[in-house]
Each structure stands twice: as structure tokens, then as C-alpha cells.
Amino acid sequence: MDITRRPSDTWIIDFGVSMLEQDAAMFEQPFQYATENIKPLRVGKREERANEKWWLHQRPRPEMRAALATFKRYILTPRVSKYRLFIFAHHAILPDSATVAIVRSDDTTFGILHSRFHEV
């Protein structure tokens, strides 16, 4: 289920920021899926990371991951939505390209973001 409570059958395969190919291969089914569906799209690309480390995300954002790991929760909002809404997400849930992460965990920031003052 996504942020707006729509059912979602989408999963993201994430082998972290620096996992070696042989270590990623230990996760047999996800790695097999990546080999069959992602590798053909990545190999031969101009971007070195996409070509050489095809099983990893091209832009894994290690700084963002490190920042999120320091909190138990953070604020998450969809990039596109009929209404602007914010939720607290557990730090183990990584944001994807359809969301914006706000690395704050305090109720004050959450309240301000939801307030009329923030909309003006």
C-alpha cells in the first residue's frame, strides 16, 4: 500500500549502496529477477555505475540513507497527489522517486507541515 492508501503490488529490490555482486546473488529470487529484467537494460549504458554495478541503484543516495538511519521515523510526502499530505515513515522504509523525504522526526515540524500556515 502506498502513502495515499492505494493498493500497490510493487516492490523495490535494494541491495544497498555497495553490496558485491556475489553477495547480492545470495538473495536468489530477487537477484534472478534483477539479472533477467534489469541487467539487459543497464549493461552497455554510458553511465559507468549503471554498466558496472547493474544490480545496485544508479543513485543510491548514501547520505540520505545515513541521515534516515539516525531517526526512528521521518516525514514522507508524495511528489504528486490531489492533496498535500504527510506521514511518518519508519526509518527502515526507504523513500522512492515518487516521494519526498523530510529528515525530521519531531511532532512540531509534522504539525507545521499539516497546518494552514504552511499552505499559505
Protein backbone atom coordinates (compact mmCIF):
# COMPACT_ATOMS: atom_id res chain seq x y z
CA MET A 1 0.00 0.00 0.00
CA ASP A 2 1.36 3.44 -0.84
CA ILE A 3 1.17 6.71 1.10
CA THR A 4 -2.28 7.56 -0.22
CA ARG A 5 -3.58 4.12 0.85
CA ARG A 6 -3.88 2.80 -2.69
CA PRO A 7 -3.04 -0.89 -3.03
CA SER A 8 0.35 -1.43 -4.59
CA ASP A 9 1.87 -4.69 -5.75
CA THR A 10 5.18 -3.00 -6.45
CA TRP A 11 8.38 -3.92 -4.65
CA ILE A 12 11.81 -2.36 -4.93
CA ILE A 13 14.85 -4.61 -4.98
CA ASP A 14 17.54 -2.89 -2.94
CA PHE A 15 20.98 -4.39 -2.45
CA GLY A 16 22.20 -1.33 -0.56
CA VAL A 17 24.90 1.06 -1.73
CA SER A 18 27.98 -1.15 -2.03
CA MET A 19 26.99 -4.83 -1.94
CA LEU A 20 29.21 -7.00 -4.11
CA GLU A 21 27.59 -8.95 -6.93
CA GLN A 22 28.38 -12.34 -5.35
CA ASP A 23 26.80 -11.19 -2.07
CA ALA A 24 23.70 -9.93 -3.87
CA ALA A 25 23.45 -13.30 -5.65
CA MET A 26 22.87 -14.93 -2.25
CA PHE A 27 19.35 -13.43 -2.39
CA GLU A 28 18.43 -15.90 -5.12
CA GLN A 29 14.98 -14.85 -6.33
CA PRO A 30 15.47 -11.06 -6.21
CA PHE A 31 18.87 -11.42 -7.89
CA GLN A 32 17.44 -13.71 -10.57
CA TYR A 33 14.71 -11.15 -11.27
CA ALA A 34 17.32 -8.39 -11.46
CA THR A 35 19.51 -10.48 -13.77
CA GLU A 36 16.63 -11.19 -16.14
CA ASN A 37 14.93 -7.78 -16.09
CA ILE A 38 17.40 -5.10 -15.00
CA LYS A 39 20.76 -6.26 -16.31
CA PRO A 40 19.74 -6.18 -20.01
CA LEU A 41 18.60 -2.56 -19.58
CA ARG A 42 21.76 -1.44 -17.77
CA VAL A 43 24.67 -3.20 -19.46
CA GLY A 44 26.04 -1.11 -22.30
CA LYS A 45 24.88 2.22 -20.89
CA ARG A 46 27.22 5.20 -20.87
CA GLU A 47 26.93 5.77 -17.14
CA GLU A 48 29.68 3.73 -15.51
CA ARG A 49 27.74 2.82 -12.37
CA ALA A 50 24.78 1.51 -14.38
CA ASN A 51 27.08 -0.55 -16.55
CA GLU A 52 29.49 -1.98 -13.98
CA LYS A 53 27.24 -2.33 -10.92
CA TRP A 54 23.97 -3.08 -12.65
CA TRP A 55 22.43 -4.81 -9.57
CA LEU A 56 22.69 -1.61 -7.47
CA HIS A 57 20.59 1.52 -7.80
CA GLN A 58 22.28 4.07 -10.05
CA ARG A 59 21.90 6.78 -7.44
CA PRO A 60 21.61 5.02 -4.07
CA ARG A 61 21.85 8.27 -2.02
CA PRO A 62 24.16 7.06 0.79
CA GLU A 63 23.97 10.45 2.55
CA MET A 64 20.18 10.29 2.72
CA ARG A 65 20.28 6.70 3.96
CA ALA A 66 22.75 7.66 6.69
CA ALA A 67 20.57 10.61 7.74
CA LEU A 68 17.43 8.46 7.87
CA ALA A 69 19.20 5.81 9.94
CA THR A 70 19.72 8.32 12.77
CA PHE A 71 15.94 8.61 13.32
CA LYS A 72 13.30 6.06 14.24
CA ARG A 73 10.87 7.81 11.89
CA TYR A 74 10.88 10.58 9.31
CA ILE A 75 8.30 12.60 7.40
CA LEU A 76 7.29 11.42 3.95
CA THR A 77 5.04 13.02 1.34
CA PRO A 78 4.11 12.03 -2.22
CA ARG A 79 5.58 14.10 -5.05
CA VAL A 80 2.22 14.16 -6.82
CA SER A 81 -1.11 13.92 -5.05
CA LYS A 82 -4.53 15.54 -5.23
CA TYR A 83 -4.00 16.78 -1.68
CA ARG A 84 -0.76 17.53 0.16
CA LEU A 85 -0.37 15.01 2.94
CA PHE A 86 2.43 13.93 5.22
CA ILE A 87 3.00 10.72 7.12
CA PHE A 88 5.62 9.40 9.49
CA ALA A 89 7.55 6.52 7.92
CA HIS A 90 9.74 4.03 9.76
CA HIS A 91 13.45 4.56 9.09
CA ALA A 92 13.73 1.07 7.55
CA ILE A 93 11.36 2.12 4.75
CA LEU A 94 13.35 3.92 2.09
CA PRO A 95 11.67 6.64 0.02
CA ASP A 96 11.46 6.12 -3.72
CA SER A 97 11.35 8.55 -6.63
CA ALA A 98 7.60 9.10 -6.16
CA THR A 99 8.08 10.57 -2.68
CA VAL A 100 9.89 13.35 -0.87
CA ALA A 101 11.60 12.58 2.44
CA ILE A 102 11.92 15.21 5.15
CA VAL A 103 14.53 14.03 7.62
CA ARG A 104 12.80 15.31 10.75
CA SER A 105 11.01 13.24 13.35
CA ASP A 106 9.53 15.87 15.63
CA ASP A 107 5.81 16.45 16.01
CA THR A 108 6.26 20.24 15.71
CA THR A 109 7.56 20.04 12.14
CA PHE A 110 4.88 17.50 11.28
CA GLY A 111 2.20 19.82 12.70
CA ILE A 112 3.52 22.87 10.84
CA LEU A 113 3.60 20.97 7.55
CA HIS A 114 -0.05 19.99 8.05
CA SER A 115 -1.14 23.47 9.13
CA ARG A 116 -2.92 26.18 7.18
CA PHE A 117 0.11 28.40 7.84
CA HIS A 118 2.25 26.09 5.72
CA GLU A 119 -0.24 26.14 2.84
CA VAL A 120 -0.15 29.94 2.56
